[in-house]
Amino acid sequence: MAPKEDQAHKAAEIAIGSIGRGYDISSDIRLKFCKGDSINSRLIEIDEDDVREVVLPGGVSLPNVSKLIKCDKGERTRFRSDVLSFQQ
């Protein structure tokens, strides 16, 4: 892997690994400050036996991700602003 692809893969692994872990909102909510340091420290139960490969935008693929964890492109709805043109 190229260095940039390696960084994207590592960031994706950290993001997936932080799902279900807690953090102290009075301190810092960045992913690297999530509570615990392993899968066993999650606050919610995620089935680690039923897994699949997840392909993220940009071509990053992660193996062995629980099927309960979903990844999509998000909402594509554009909301129209109430700004009026000069003539109105």
N, C-alpha and C. Protein backbone atom coordinates (compact mmCIF):
# COMPACT_ATOMS: atom_id res chain seq x y z
N MET A 1 0.83 -1.19 0.00
CA MET A 1 0.00 0.00 0.00
C MET A 1 0.88 1.25 0.00
N ALA A 2 0.38 2.25 -0.68
CA ALA A 2 1.06 3.54 -0.67
C ALA A 2 0.84 4.20 0.69
N PRO A 3 1.71 5.12 1.09
CA PRO A 3 1.55 5.76 2.41
C PRO A 3 0.19 6.40 2.63
N LYS A 4 -0.35 7.07 1.60
CA LYS A 4 -1.66 7.72 1.75
C LYS A 4 -2.76 6.68 1.92
N GLU A 5 -2.70 5.59 1.15
CA GLU A 5 -3.69 4.52 1.28
C GLU A 5 -3.57 3.84 2.63
N ASP A 6 -2.33 3.68 3.11
CA ASP A 6 -2.10 3.07 4.41
C ASP A 6 -2.69 3.92 5.52
N GLN A 7 -2.56 5.24 5.41
CA GLN A 7 -3.13 6.15 6.41
C GLN A 7 -4.65 6.08 6.39
N ALA A 8 -5.24 6.01 5.19
CA ALA A 8 -6.70 5.92 5.08
C ALA A 8 -7.20 4.61 5.67
N HIS A 9 -6.48 3.53 5.42
CA HIS A 9 -6.86 2.22 5.96
C HIS A 9 -6.77 2.23 7.48
N LYS A 10 -5.72 2.80 8.03
CA LYS A 10 -5.55 2.87 9.49
C LYS A 10 -6.64 3.74 10.12
N ALA A 11 -6.97 4.86 9.49
CA ALA A 11 -8.03 5.74 10.01
C ALA A 11 -9.37 5.02 9.99
N ALA A 12 -9.64 4.25 8.94
CA ALA A 12 -10.89 3.50 8.85
C ALA A 12 -10.95 2.43 9.93
N GLU A 13 -9.84 1.75 10.18
CA GLU A 13 -9.80 0.74 11.24
C GLU A 13 -10.07 1.36 12.61
N ILE A 14 -9.49 2.52 12.86
CA ILE A 14 -9.71 3.21 14.14
C ILE A 14 -11.18 3.62 14.28
N ALA A 15 -11.77 4.13 13.20
CA ALA A 15 -13.17 4.55 13.24
C ALA A 15 -14.10 3.37 13.50
N ILE A 16 -13.88 2.26 12.81
CA ILE A 16 -14.71 1.07 13.02
C ILE A 16 -14.50 0.53 14.43
N GLY A 17 -13.26 0.52 14.88
CA GLY A 17 -12.95 0.01 16.22
C GLY A 17 -13.53 0.85 17.34
N SER A 18 -13.81 2.12 17.08
CA SER A 18 -14.33 3.00 18.13
C SER A 18 -15.84 2.91 18.28
N ILE A 19 -16.51 2.23 17.36
CA ILE A 19 -17.97 2.11 17.44
C ILE A 19 -18.34 1.33 18.69
N GLY A 20 -19.21 1.91 19.48
CA GLY A 20 -19.69 1.26 20.69
C GLY A 20 -18.88 1.54 21.93
N ARG A 21 -17.78 2.25 21.80
CA ARG A 21 -16.96 2.60 22.96
C ARG A 21 -17.36 3.97 23.46
N GLY A 22 -17.22 4.21 24.73
CA GLY A 22 -17.61 5.48 25.32
C GLY A 22 -16.48 6.48 25.32
N TYR A 23 -16.83 7.71 25.65
CA TYR A 23 -15.83 8.76 25.81
C TYR A 23 -16.34 9.77 26.82
N ASP A 24 -15.44 10.51 27.37
CA ASP A 24 -15.76 11.51 28.39
C ASP A 24 -15.98 12.85 27.70
N ILE A 25 -17.22 13.31 27.63
CA ILE A 25 -17.50 14.55 26.90
C ILE A 25 -16.94 15.78 27.59
N SER A 26 -16.58 15.65 28.86
CA SER A 26 -15.97 16.79 29.53
C SER A 26 -14.48 16.89 29.24
N SER A 27 -13.95 15.87 28.60
CA SER A 27 -12.51 15.84 28.31
C SER A 27 -12.25 16.03 26.82
N ASP A 28 -12.37 14.98 26.06
CA ASP A 28 -12.05 15.05 24.64
C ASP A 28 -12.84 13.97 23.91
N ILE A 29 -13.45 14.33 22.79
CA ILE A 29 -14.28 13.36 22.07
C ILE A 29 -13.63 12.85 20.79
N ARG A 30 -12.34 13.09 20.64
CA ARG A 30 -11.66 12.54 19.47
C ARG A 30 -11.56 11.03 19.59
N LEU A 31 -11.52 10.33 18.44
CA LEU A 31 -11.53 8.88 18.44
C LEU A 31 -10.39 8.27 19.24
N LYS A 32 -9.23 8.92 19.23
CA LYS A 32 -8.10 8.32 19.95
C LYS A 32 -8.26 8.39 21.46
N PHE A 33 -9.26 9.12 21.95
CA PHE A 33 -9.49 9.21 23.39
C PHE A 33 -10.71 8.41 23.83
N CYS A 34 -11.20 7.49 22.99
CA CYS A 34 -12.31 6.63 23.39
C CYS A 34 -11.90 5.78 24.57
N LYS A 35 -12.86 5.43 25.40
CA LYS A 35 -12.59 4.61 26.58
C LYS A 35 -12.28 3.18 26.17
N GLY A 36 -11.37 2.56 26.88
CA GLY A 36 -11.00 1.17 26.60
C GLY A 36 -10.02 1.07 25.46
N ASP A 37 -9.45 -0.10 25.32
CA ASP A 37 -8.45 -0.28 24.27
C ASP A 37 -8.64 -1.56 23.48
N SER A 38 -9.80 -2.20 23.61
CA SER A 38 -10.02 -3.44 22.87
C SER A 38 -11.50 -3.58 22.53
N ILE A 39 -11.79 -4.61 21.74
CA ILE A 39 -13.17 -4.90 21.36
C ILE A 39 -14.00 -5.22 22.60
N ASN A 40 -13.38 -5.83 23.61
CA ASN A 40 -14.10 -6.23 24.82
C ASN A 40 -14.53 -5.05 25.68
N SER A 41 -14.07 -3.86 25.38
CA SER A 41 -14.41 -2.69 26.20
C SER A 41 -15.58 -1.89 25.62
N ARG A 42 -16.30 -2.46 24.68
CA ARG A 42 -17.44 -1.75 24.09
C ARG A 42 -18.61 -1.69 25.06
N LEU A 43 -19.37 -0.60 24.97
CA LEU A 43 -20.54 -0.43 25.82
C LEU A 43 -21.77 -1.12 25.25
N ILE A 44 -21.75 -1.40 23.96
CA ILE A 44 -22.85 -2.12 23.32
C ILE A 44 -22.30 -3.42 22.75
N GLU A 45 -23.15 -4.41 22.62
CA GLU A 45 -22.72 -5.70 22.12
C GLU A 45 -22.83 -5.73 20.59
N ILE A 46 -21.73 -6.07 19.95
CA ILE A 46 -21.70 -6.19 18.49
C ILE A 46 -21.28 -7.61 18.16
N ASP A 47 -22.03 -8.27 17.29
CA ASP A 47 -21.74 -9.65 16.89
C ASP A 47 -20.45 -9.68 16.07
N GLU A 48 -19.39 -10.20 16.65
CA GLU A 48 -18.10 -10.28 15.97
C GLU A 48 -17.93 -11.57 15.19
N ASP A 49 -18.92 -12.49 15.27
CA ASP A 49 -18.81 -13.76 14.56
C ASP A 49 -19.35 -13.68 13.14
N ASP A 50 -20.39 -12.89 12.94
CA ASP A 50 -21.01 -12.74 11.62
C ASP A 50 -20.40 -11.51 10.96
N VAL A 51 -19.35 -11.71 10.16
CA VAL A 51 -18.57 -10.60 9.61
C VAL A 51 -18.61 -10.58 8.09
N ARG A 52 -18.18 -9.46 7.54
CA ARG A 52 -18.09 -9.29 6.09
C ARG A 52 -17.00 -8.27 5.80
N GLU A 53 -16.70 -8.09 4.53
CA GLU A 53 -15.74 -7.07 4.12
C GLU A 53 -16.51 -5.80 3.78
N VAL A 54 -16.06 -4.68 4.29
CA VAL A 54 -16.69 -3.39 4.03
C VAL A 54 -15.79 -2.59 3.11
N VAL A 55 -16.36 -2.08 2.02
CA VAL A 55 -15.62 -1.23 1.10
C VAL A 55 -16.11 0.20 1.31
N LEU A 56 -15.20 1.07 1.69
CA LEU A 56 -15.52 2.46 1.97
C LEU A 56 -15.27 3.32 0.74
N PRO A 57 -15.90 4.50 0.67
CA PRO A 57 -15.61 5.41 -0.44
C PRO A 57 -14.11 5.70 -0.50
N GLY A 58 -13.59 5.73 -1.69
CA GLY A 58 -12.15 5.93 -1.87
C GLY A 58 -11.41 4.63 -2.08
N GLY A 59 -12.14 3.50 -2.06
CA GLY A 59 -11.53 2.21 -2.33
C GLY A 59 -10.90 1.53 -1.14
N VAL A 60 -11.08 2.04 0.06
CA VAL A 60 -10.51 1.41 1.25
C VAL A 60 -11.42 0.25 1.64
N SER A 61 -10.84 -0.94 1.79
CA SER A 61 -11.64 -2.10 2.19
C SER A 61 -11.12 -2.64 3.52
N LEU A 62 -12.06 -3.00 4.37
CA LEU A 62 -11.74 -3.53 5.69
C LEU A 62 -12.35 -4.91 5.83
N PRO A 63 -11.54 -5.93 6.10
CA PRO A 63 -12.09 -7.27 6.31
C PRO A 63 -12.58 -7.45 7.74
N ASN A 64 -13.40 -8.45 7.95
CA ASN A 64 -13.85 -8.86 9.29
C ASN A 64 -14.57 -7.76 10.07
N VAL A 65 -15.48 -7.07 9.40
CA VAL A 65 -16.32 -6.06 10.06
C VAL A 65 -17.68 -6.68 10.30
N SER A 66 -18.22 -6.51 11.49
CA SER A 66 -19.52 -7.08 11.83
C SER A 66 -20.58 -6.63 10.83
N LYS A 67 -21.49 -7.54 10.51
CA LYS A 67 -22.58 -7.19 9.58
C LYS A 67 -23.53 -6.17 10.19
N LEU A 68 -23.47 -5.98 11.50
CA LEU A 68 -24.32 -4.98 12.15
C LEU A 68 -23.85 -3.56 11.89
N ILE A 69 -22.60 -3.40 11.45
CA ILE A 69 -22.05 -2.08 11.17
C ILE A 69 -22.28 -1.77 9.70
N LYS A 70 -23.00 -0.71 9.44
CA LYS A 70 -23.35 -0.33 8.07
C LYS A 70 -22.52 0.87 7.62
N CYS A 71 -22.32 0.97 6.33
CA CYS A 71 -21.60 2.10 5.75
C CYS A 71 -22.33 2.49 4.47
N ASP A 72 -22.78 3.73 4.40
CA ASP A 72 -23.42 4.19 3.18
C ASP A 72 -22.94 5.59 2.84
N LYS A 73 -23.44 6.12 1.76
CA LYS A 73 -23.00 7.43 1.30
C LYS A 73 -23.67 8.57 2.05
N GLY A 74 -24.63 8.26 2.89
CA GLY A 74 -25.32 9.30 3.64
C GLY A 74 -26.44 9.93 2.82
N GLU A 75 -27.02 10.95 3.37
CA GLU A 75 -28.12 11.62 2.69
C GLU A 75 -27.60 12.44 1.52
N ARG A 76 -28.31 12.36 0.43
CA ARG A 76 -27.94 13.14 -0.74
C ARG A 76 -28.96 14.23 -1.03
N THR A 77 -29.82 14.51 -0.06
CA THR A 77 -30.84 15.53 -0.22
C THR A 77 -30.22 16.91 -0.04
N ARG A 78 -30.48 17.77 -0.97
CA ARG A 78 -30.02 19.15 -0.83
C ARG A 78 -31.21 19.99 -0.41
N PHE A 79 -31.03 20.72 0.64
CA PHE A 79 -32.10 21.58 1.12
C PHE A 79 -31.95 22.95 0.48
N ARG A 80 -33.06 23.48 0.08
CA ARG A 80 -33.06 24.78 -0.58
C ARG A 80 -33.16 25.86 0.48
N SER A 81 -32.37 26.88 0.34
CA SER A 81 -32.41 27.96 1.32
C SER A 81 -33.56 28.91 1.00
N ASP A 82 -33.92 29.71 1.97
CA ASP A 82 -35.00 30.68 1.80
C ASP A 82 -34.49 32.03 1.34
N VAL A 83 -33.33 32.06 0.74
CA VAL A 83 -32.77 33.31 0.25
C VAL A 83 -33.50 33.71 -1.02
N LEU A 84 -33.94 34.94 -1.09
CA LEU A 84 -34.67 35.43 -2.25
C LEU A 84 -33.73 36.15 -3.20
N SER A 85 -34.09 36.12 -4.46
CA SER A 85 -33.27 36.85 -5.44
C SER A 85 -33.51 38.35 -5.29
N PHE A 86 -32.70 39.14 -5.93
CA PHE A 86 -32.78 40.58 -5.82
C PHE A 86 -34.12 41.11 -6.33
N GLN A 87 -34.67 40.50 -7.40
CA GLN A 87 -35.92 40.96 -7.98
C GLN A 87 -37.12 40.66 -7.09
N GLN A 88 -37.05 39.71 -6.22
CA GLN A 88 -38.20 39.37 -5.38
C GLN A 88 -38.18 40.28 -4.20
